[in-house]
Amino acid sequence: MMLRPLQVKVVSIDALIEHEEIDPVHLEELKAEIISDGYLRKSLAVDYKTMVILDGHHRYNILKRLGCSRVPVSFFDYDSPLIVVEPGPLGLPVSKDIVRDAGLKRRKLPPKSTYHMVITDSGRVHLSEFELDVYAPLETLK
């Protein structure tokens, strides 16, 4: 079985919910790259039921800082058994319920505390590999 986004569309940036803090150093590095490119290459991975961001917190925050009101999103069924959440470098206990609660209760987890992986025939692959490449010009997201 292969994981695919349920839907890919552009949504209001204010509709999305973060579950994780960001790393300011990584934010600035990625922001410089996105500004230099003039476009957003990848959509964000979002749980279609709750609008909680699964992957793309730094891109989300960059777009907000750049005054964008819209963002391309790949919606996933977070309840799929193909999507698993693993602890990041801090080794904090994580689960899908912890991720959803952190977002819905607005109690963000530390940066990079969760890794969302997809179970494939060849092993576990990061969820970002399943986010659609959109190459959205920044001006179209304002």
N, C-alpha and C. Protein backbone atom coordinates (compact mmCIF):
# COMPACT_ATOMS: atom_id res chain seq x y z
N MET A 1 0.84 -1.18 0.00
CA MET A 1 0.00 0.00 0.00
C MET A 1 0.89 1.25 0.00
N MET A 2 0.47 2.26 -0.73
CA MET A 2 1.25 3.49 -0.88
C MET A 2 0.48 4.66 -0.31
N LEU A 3 1.16 5.51 0.45
CA LEU A 3 0.52 6.70 1.01
C LEU A 3 0.49 7.80 -0.04
N ARG A 4 -0.65 8.45 -0.13
CA ARG A 4 -0.80 9.61 -1.01
C ARG A 4 -1.59 10.68 -0.24
N PRO A 5 -1.33 11.95 -0.57
CA PRO A 5 -2.17 12.98 0.05
C PRO A 5 -3.63 12.77 -0.34
N LEU A 6 -4.54 13.02 0.58
CA LEU A 6 -5.97 12.93 0.28
C LEU A 6 -6.39 14.03 -0.67
N GLN A 7 -5.76 15.19 -0.49
CA GLN A 7 -6.10 16.36 -1.29
C GLN A 7 -4.93 17.33 -1.19
N VAL A 8 -4.73 18.10 -2.24
CA VAL A 8 -3.72 19.15 -2.23
C VAL A 8 -4.43 20.42 -2.65
N LYS A 9 -4.35 21.45 -1.80
CA LYS A 9 -5.00 22.72 -2.15
C LYS A 9 -4.37 23.86 -1.38
N VAL A 10 -4.68 25.06 -1.82
CA VAL A 10 -4.21 26.27 -1.15
C VAL A 10 -5.28 26.69 -0.14
N VAL A 11 -4.85 26.90 1.11
CA VAL A 11 -5.79 27.26 2.18
C VAL A 11 -5.32 28.54 2.87
N SER A 12 -6.21 29.11 3.66
CA SER A 12 -5.85 30.27 4.48
C SER A 12 -4.79 29.86 5.49
N ILE A 13 -3.75 30.66 5.59
CA ILE A 13 -2.67 30.35 6.53
C ILE A 13 -3.18 30.34 7.97
N ASP A 14 -4.23 31.13 8.23
CA ASP A 14 -4.78 31.21 9.59
C ASP A 14 -5.58 29.97 9.98
N ALA A 15 -5.89 29.10 9.02
CA ALA A 15 -6.64 27.88 9.32
C ALA A 15 -5.76 26.79 9.90
N LEU A 16 -4.44 26.94 9.76
CA LEU A 16 -3.52 25.90 10.19
C LEU A 16 -3.13 26.06 11.66
N ILE A 17 -2.81 24.92 12.28
CA ILE A 17 -2.47 24.89 13.70
C ILE A 17 -1.10 24.24 13.88
N GLU A 18 -0.22 24.92 14.59
CA GLU A 18 1.11 24.39 14.87
C GLU A 18 1.08 23.46 16.08
N HIS A 19 1.94 22.45 16.07
CA HIS A 19 2.08 21.60 17.26
C HIS A 19 3.50 21.66 17.82
N GLU A 20 4.39 22.38 17.12
CA GLU A 20 5.80 22.36 17.49
C GLU A 20 6.40 23.76 17.36
N GLU A 21 7.29 24.10 18.28
CA GLU A 21 8.05 25.35 18.18
C GLU A 21 9.03 25.24 17.00
N ILE A 22 9.65 26.36 16.67
CA ILE A 22 10.62 26.38 15.57
C ILE A 22 12.01 26.69 16.10
N ASP A 23 13.00 26.34 15.31
CA ASP A 23 14.40 26.64 15.60
C ASP A 23 14.73 27.94 14.86
N PRO A 24 15.03 29.03 15.59
CA PRO A 24 15.25 30.32 14.95
C PRO A 24 16.40 30.32 13.94
N VAL A 25 17.44 29.56 14.20
CA VAL A 25 18.58 29.51 13.27
C VAL A 25 18.15 28.85 11.96
N HIS A 26 17.49 27.71 12.05
CA HIS A 26 17.01 27.03 10.85
C HIS A 26 15.99 27.90 10.11
N LEU A 27 15.16 28.61 10.86
CA LEU A 27 14.16 29.50 10.26
C LEU A 27 14.83 30.53 9.37
N GLU A 28 15.87 31.18 9.88
CA GLU A 28 16.54 32.23 9.10
C GLU A 28 17.25 31.66 7.88
N GLU A 29 17.86 30.49 8.02
CA GLU A 29 18.53 29.86 6.87
C GLU A 29 17.52 29.52 5.78
N LEU A 30 16.42 28.90 6.16
CA LEU A 30 15.40 28.51 5.19
C LEU A 30 14.71 29.73 4.60
N LYS A 31 14.50 30.76 5.42
CA LYS A 31 13.87 31.99 4.93
C LYS A 31 14.72 32.62 3.84
N ALA A 32 16.04 32.69 4.04
CA ALA A 32 16.93 33.25 3.03
C ALA A 32 16.85 32.45 1.73
N GLU A 33 16.77 31.13 1.85
CA GLU A 33 16.68 30.27 0.67
C GLU A 33 15.36 30.50 -0.09
N ILE A 34 14.25 30.57 0.64
CA ILE A 34 12.94 30.76 0.01
C ILE A 34 12.86 32.14 -0.65
N ILE A 35 13.37 33.17 0.02
CA ILE A 35 13.36 34.51 -0.57
C ILE A 35 14.22 34.54 -1.82
N SER A 36 15.39 33.93 -1.76
CA SER A 36 16.28 33.87 -2.92
C SER A 36 15.62 33.15 -4.09
N ASP A 37 14.95 32.04 -3.80
CA ASP A 37 14.26 31.29 -4.85
C ASP A 37 13.07 32.06 -5.40
N GLY A 38 12.37 32.78 -4.52
CA GLY A 38 11.17 33.50 -4.93
C GLY A 38 9.92 32.64 -4.95
N TYR A 39 10.05 31.40 -4.47
CA TYR A 39 8.89 30.51 -4.45
C TYR A 39 9.01 29.52 -3.29
N LEU A 40 7.88 28.92 -2.98
CA LEU A 40 7.84 27.83 -2.00
C LEU A 40 7.83 26.53 -2.78
N ARG A 41 8.82 25.69 -2.54
CA ARG A 41 8.95 24.46 -3.32
C ARG A 41 7.95 23.39 -2.92
N LYS A 42 7.80 23.16 -1.63
CA LYS A 42 6.95 22.05 -1.15
C LYS A 42 5.73 22.56 -0.39
N SER A 43 4.65 21.81 -0.53
CA SER A 43 3.47 22.06 0.29
C SER A 43 3.74 21.61 1.72
N LEU A 44 2.89 22.02 2.64
CA LEU A 44 2.98 21.58 4.04
C LEU A 44 2.14 20.32 4.22
N ALA A 45 2.55 19.43 5.11
CA ALA A 45 1.77 18.24 5.43
C ALA A 45 0.86 18.56 6.61
N VAL A 46 -0.45 18.33 6.43
CA VAL A 46 -1.43 18.71 7.44
C VAL A 46 -2.43 17.57 7.65
N ASP A 47 -2.84 17.37 8.90
CA ASP A 47 -3.89 16.41 9.23
C ASP A 47 -5.22 16.98 8.76
N TYR A 48 -5.92 16.26 7.88
CA TYR A 48 -7.14 16.82 7.29
C TYR A 48 -8.27 16.96 8.31
N LYS A 49 -8.25 16.21 9.39
CA LYS A 49 -9.34 16.29 10.38
C LYS A 49 -9.20 17.49 11.31
N THR A 50 -7.96 17.82 11.68
CA THR A 50 -7.76 18.84 12.72
C THR A 50 -7.05 20.10 12.23
N MET A 51 -6.47 20.06 11.03
CA MET A 51 -5.68 21.16 10.48
C MET A 51 -4.36 21.37 11.22
N VAL A 52 -3.93 20.37 11.99
CA VAL A 52 -2.65 20.44 12.67
C VAL A 52 -1.54 20.15 11.66
N ILE A 53 -0.53 21.01 11.66
CA ILE A 53 0.62 20.84 10.76
C ILE A 53 1.44 19.66 11.25
N LEU A 54 1.71 18.72 10.35
CA LEU A 54 2.54 17.56 10.68
C LEU A 54 3.98 17.80 10.28
N ASP A 55 4.18 18.48 9.16
CA ASP A 55 5.53 18.81 8.68
C ASP A 55 5.44 20.13 7.94
N GLY A 56 6.38 21.04 8.24
CA GLY A 56 6.40 22.33 7.55
C GLY A 56 6.26 23.53 8.47
N HIS A 57 6.53 23.36 9.77
CA HIS A 57 6.40 24.48 10.70
C HIS A 57 7.29 25.67 10.34
N HIS A 58 8.50 25.41 9.88
CA HIS A 58 9.40 26.50 9.52
C HIS A 58 8.89 27.22 8.27
N ARG A 59 8.44 26.47 7.27
CA ARG A 59 7.88 27.09 6.05
C ARG A 59 6.65 27.91 6.40
N TYR A 60 5.80 27.38 7.26
CA TYR A 60 4.60 28.09 7.71
C TYR A 60 4.97 29.43 8.34
N ASN A 61 5.92 29.41 9.27
CA ASN A 61 6.33 30.64 9.96
C ASN A 61 7.01 31.63 9.03
N ILE A 62 7.75 31.13 8.07
CA ILE A 62 8.38 32.02 7.08
C ILE A 62 7.31 32.72 6.26
N LEU A 63 6.34 31.97 5.77
CA LEU A 63 5.26 32.57 4.97
C LEU A 63 4.51 33.62 5.78
N LYS A 64 4.24 33.34 7.05
CA LYS A 64 3.56 34.33 7.89
C LYS A 64 4.39 35.60 8.00
N ARG A 65 5.69 35.44 8.22
CA ARG A 65 6.58 36.61 8.36
C ARG A 65 6.68 37.40 7.06
N LEU A 66 6.51 36.73 5.94
CA LEU A 66 6.57 37.40 4.64
C LEU A 66 5.22 38.00 4.24
N GLY A 67 4.24 37.90 5.11
CA GLY A 67 2.94 38.51 4.84
C GLY A 67 2.03 37.69 3.95
N CYS A 68 2.31 36.41 3.82
CA CYS A 68 1.46 35.55 2.99
C CYS A 68 0.19 35.20 3.76
N SER A 69 -0.92 35.15 3.05
CA SER A 69 -2.19 34.80 3.68
C SER A 69 -2.67 33.41 3.27
N ARG A 70 -1.99 32.83 2.29
CA ARG A 70 -2.39 31.51 1.78
C ARG A 70 -1.18 30.59 1.74
N VAL A 71 -1.45 29.29 1.83
CA VAL A 71 -0.36 28.32 1.84
C VAL A 71 -0.82 27.02 1.16
N PRO A 72 0.05 26.43 0.33
CA PRO A 72 -0.30 25.15 -0.28
C PRO A 72 -0.13 24.01 0.74
N VAL A 73 -1.11 23.12 0.78
CA VAL A 73 -1.16 22.06 1.78
C VAL A 73 -1.41 20.71 1.12
N SER A 74 -0.69 19.71 1.58
CA SER A 74 -1.00 18.31 1.26
C SER A 74 -1.70 17.74 2.49
N PHE A 75 -2.97 17.39 2.33
CA PHE A 75 -3.74 16.84 3.44
C PHE A 75 -3.54 15.33 3.53
N PHE A 76 -3.30 14.86 4.75
CA PHE A 76 -3.10 13.44 5.00
C PHE A 76 -4.08 12.95 6.06
N ASP A 77 -4.39 11.67 6.00
CA ASP A 77 -5.17 11.02 7.04
C ASP A 77 -4.20 10.58 8.13
N TYR A 78 -4.11 11.37 9.18
CA TYR A 78 -3.15 11.11 10.25
C TYR A 78 -3.45 9.81 10.98
N ASP A 79 -4.67 9.32 10.84
CA ASP A 79 -5.03 8.05 11.47
C ASP A 79 -4.56 6.85 10.66
N SER A 80 -4.01 7.09 9.49
CA SER A 80 -3.51 5.99 8.66
C SER A 80 -2.42 5.23 9.42
N PRO A 81 -2.48 3.90 9.41
CA PRO A 81 -1.42 3.13 10.06
C PRO A 81 -0.08 3.25 9.33
N LEU A 82 -0.10 3.83 8.13
CA LEU A 82 1.15 4.02 7.38
C LEU A 82 1.96 5.20 7.91
N ILE A 83 1.30 6.11 8.63
CA ILE A 83 1.99 7.27 9.21
C ILE A 83 2.28 6.97 10.68
N VAL A 84 3.55 7.09 11.05
CA VAL A 84 3.95 6.88 12.44
C VAL A 84 4.72 8.11 12.91
N VAL A 85 4.68 8.36 14.20
CA VAL A 85 5.43 9.48 14.77
C VAL A 85 6.52 8.91 15.66
N GLU A 86 7.73 9.45 15.47
CA GLU A 86 8.89 9.00 16.24
C GLU A 86 9.47 10.20 16.99
N PRO A 87 10.15 9.94 18.10
CA PRO A 87 10.77 11.05 18.84
C PRO A 87 11.95 11.65 18.08
N GLY A 88 12.11 12.96 18.25
CA GLY A 88 13.26 13.64 17.67
C GLY A 88 14.48 13.49 18.56
N PRO A 89 15.50 14.33 18.34
CA PRO A 89 16.77 14.22 19.08
C PRO A 89 16.63 14.36 20.60
N LEU A 90 15.60 15.06 21.06
CA LEU A 90 15.42 15.23 22.51
C LEU A 90 14.94 13.94 23.18
N GLY A 91 14.41 13.03 22.38
CA GLY A 91 13.95 11.75 22.91
C GLY A 91 12.69 11.83 23.76
N LEU A 92 11.92 12.90 23.60
CA LEU A 92 10.68 13.04 24.37
C LEU A 92 9.66 12.00 23.90
N PRO A 93 8.84 11.50 24.81
CA PRO A 93 7.81 10.56 24.38
C PRO A 93 6.81 11.27 23.47
N VAL A 94 6.47 10.63 22.36
CA VAL A 94 5.53 11.22 21.42
C VAL A 94 4.54 10.16 20.94
N SER A 95 3.38 10.64 20.53
CA SER A 95 2.36 9.80 19.93
C SER A 95 1.49 10.72 19.07
N LYS A 96 0.64 10.13 18.26
CA LYS A 96 -0.26 10.95 17.46
C LYS A 96 -1.19 11.76 18.36
N ASP A 97 -1.64 11.18 19.46
CA ASP A 97 -2.50 11.92 20.39
C ASP A 97 -1.77 13.10 21.01
N ILE A 98 -0.51 12.91 21.37
CA ILE A 98 0.28 14.01 21.94
C ILE A 98 0.43 15.13 20.92
N VAL A 99 0.69 14.78 19.66
CA VAL A 99 0.84 15.78 18.60
C VAL A 99 -0.46 16.56 18.42
N ARG A 100 -1.56 15.85 18.29
CA ARG A 100 -2.86 16.52 18.11
C ARG A 100 -3.19 17.42 19.30
N ASP A 101 -3.00 16.90 20.51
CA ASP A 101 -3.30 17.68 21.71
C ASP A 101 -2.43 18.93 21.79
N ALA A 102 -1.16 18.81 21.45
CA ALA A 102 -0.26 19.97 21.48
C ALA A 102 -0.78 21.06 20.56
N GLY A 103 -1.26 20.67 19.39
CA GLY A 103 -1.81 21.65 18.47
C GLY A 103 -3.15 22.21 18.92
N LEU A 104 -4.08 21.32 19.20
CA LEU A 104 -5.44 21.75 19.52
C LEU A 104 -5.52 22.51 20.84
N LYS A 105 -4.63 22.20 21.78
CA LYS A 105 -4.61 22.91 23.07
C LYS A 105 -3.62 24.07 23.07
N ARG A 106 -3.01 24.30 21.91
CA ARG A 106 -2.05 25.42 21.74
C ARG A 106 -0.91 25.33 22.75
N ARG A 107 -0.42 24.11 22.98
CA ARG A 107 0.73 23.89 23.86
C ARG A 107 1.82 23.23 23.03
N LYS A 108 2.58 24.04 22.34
CA LYS A 108 3.55 23.52 21.38
C LYS A 108 4.67 22.72 22.04
N LEU A 109 5.07 21.68 21.33
CA LEU A 109 6.22 20.86 21.73
C LEU A 109 7.51 21.58 21.33
N PRO A 110 8.65 21.20 21.90
CA PRO A 110 9.92 21.82 21.51
C PRO A 110 10.23 21.57 20.02
N PRO A 111 11.12 22.39 19.44
CA PRO A 111 11.48 22.21 18.03
C PRO A 111 12.01 20.80 17.75
N LYS A 112 11.63 20.27 16.59
CA LYS A 112 12.13 18.98 16.10
C LYS A 112 11.96 17.86 17.13
N SER A 113 10.87 17.91 17.89
CA SER A 113 10.63 16.85 18.88
C SER A 113 9.86 15.68 18.29
N THR A 114 9.35 15.85 17.07
CA THR A 114 8.63 14.76 16.41
C THR A 114 9.14 14.58 14.98
N TYR A 115 9.23 13.34 14.58
CA TYR A 115 9.52 13.00 13.18
C TYR A 115 8.36 12.15 12.69
N HIS A 116 7.70 12.63 11.65
CA HIS A 116 6.60 11.86 11.06
C HIS A 116 7.16 11.03 9.91
N MET A 117 6.99 9.74 10.05
CA MET A 117 7.54 8.79 9.09
C MET A 117 6.41 8.01 8.43
N VAL A 118 6.71 7.50 7.24
CA VAL A 118 5.74 6.69 6.50
C VAL A 118 6.34 5.30 6.31
N ILE A 119 5.54 4.30 6.61
CA ILE A 119 5.98 2.92 6.42
C ILE A 119 5.80 2.56 4.95
N THR A 120 6.90 2.18 4.30
CA THR A 120 6.87 1.78 2.90
C THR A 120 7.46 0.37 2.78
N ASP A 121 7.38 -0.19 1.60
CA ASP A 121 7.95 -1.53 1.36
C ASP A 121 9.46 -1.55 1.60
N SER A 122 10.11 -0.39 1.42
CA SER A 122 11.56 -0.34 1.58
C SER A 122 12.00 0.25 2.92
N GLY A 123 11.08 0.40 3.85
CA GLY A 123 11.43 0.93 5.16
C GLY A 123 10.68 2.22 5.46
N ARG A 124 11.11 2.89 6.51
CA ARG A 124 10.47 4.14 6.91
C ARG A 124 11.09 5.32 6.17
N VAL A 125 10.20 6.19 5.68
CA VAL A 125 10.60 7.37 4.91
C VAL A 125 9.93 8.58 5.55
N HIS A 126 10.64 9.71 5.60
CA HIS A 126 10.07 10.91 6.20
C HIS A 126 8.86 11.38 5.40
N LEU A 127 7.85 11.87 6.12
CA LEU A 127 6.60 12.33 5.51
C LEU A 127 6.82 13.39 4.44
N SER A 128 7.87 14.19 4.58
CA SER A 128 8.13 15.25 3.60
C SER A 128 8.31 14.70 2.18
N GLU A 129 8.70 13.44 2.07
CA GLU A 129 8.85 12.82 0.74
C GLU A 129 7.51 12.65 0.03
N PHE A 130 6.42 12.78 0.77
CA PHE A 130 5.09 12.59 0.20
C PHE A 130 4.34 13.91 0.03
N GLU A 131 4.98 15.02 0.41
CA GLU A 131 4.39 16.35 0.22
C GLU A 131 4.59 16.74 -1.24
N LEU A 132 3.56 17.32 -1.82
CA LEU A 132 3.61 17.69 -3.23
C LEU A 132 4.59 18.84 -3.46
N ASP A 133 5.41 18.71 -4.51
CA ASP A 133 6.22 19.84 -4.97
C ASP A 133 5.29 20.81 -5.68
N VAL A 134 5.24 22.06 -5.23
CA VAL A 134 4.28 23.02 -5.79
C VAL A 134 4.95 24.20 -6.50
N TYR A 135 6.17 24.53 -6.13
CA TYR A 135 6.88 25.67 -6.72
C TYR A 135 5.95 26.89 -6.83
N ALA A 136 5.34 27.26 -5.71
CA ALA A 136 4.38 28.37 -5.67
C ALA A 136 5.12 29.69 -5.52
N PRO A 137 5.01 30.59 -6.51
CA PRO A 137 5.63 31.91 -6.37
C PRO A 137 5.08 32.63 -5.13
N LEU A 138 5.97 33.25 -4.38
CA LEU A 138 5.56 33.90 -3.13
C LEU A 138 4.46 34.93 -3.36
N GLU A 139 4.52 35.65 -4.47
CA GLU A 139 3.52 36.69 -4.74
C GLU A 139 2.11 36.11 -4.85
N THR A 140 1.99 34.86 -5.29
CA THR A 140 0.66 34.25 -5.42
C THR A 140 0.09 33.81 -4.07
N LEU A 141 0.92 33.85 -3.04
CA LEU A 141 0.48 33.41 -1.71
C LEU A 141 0.16 34.59 -0.79
N LYS A 142 0.30 35.82 -1.29
CA LYS A 142 0.06 37.02 -0.48
C LYS A 142 -1.43 37.25 -0.24
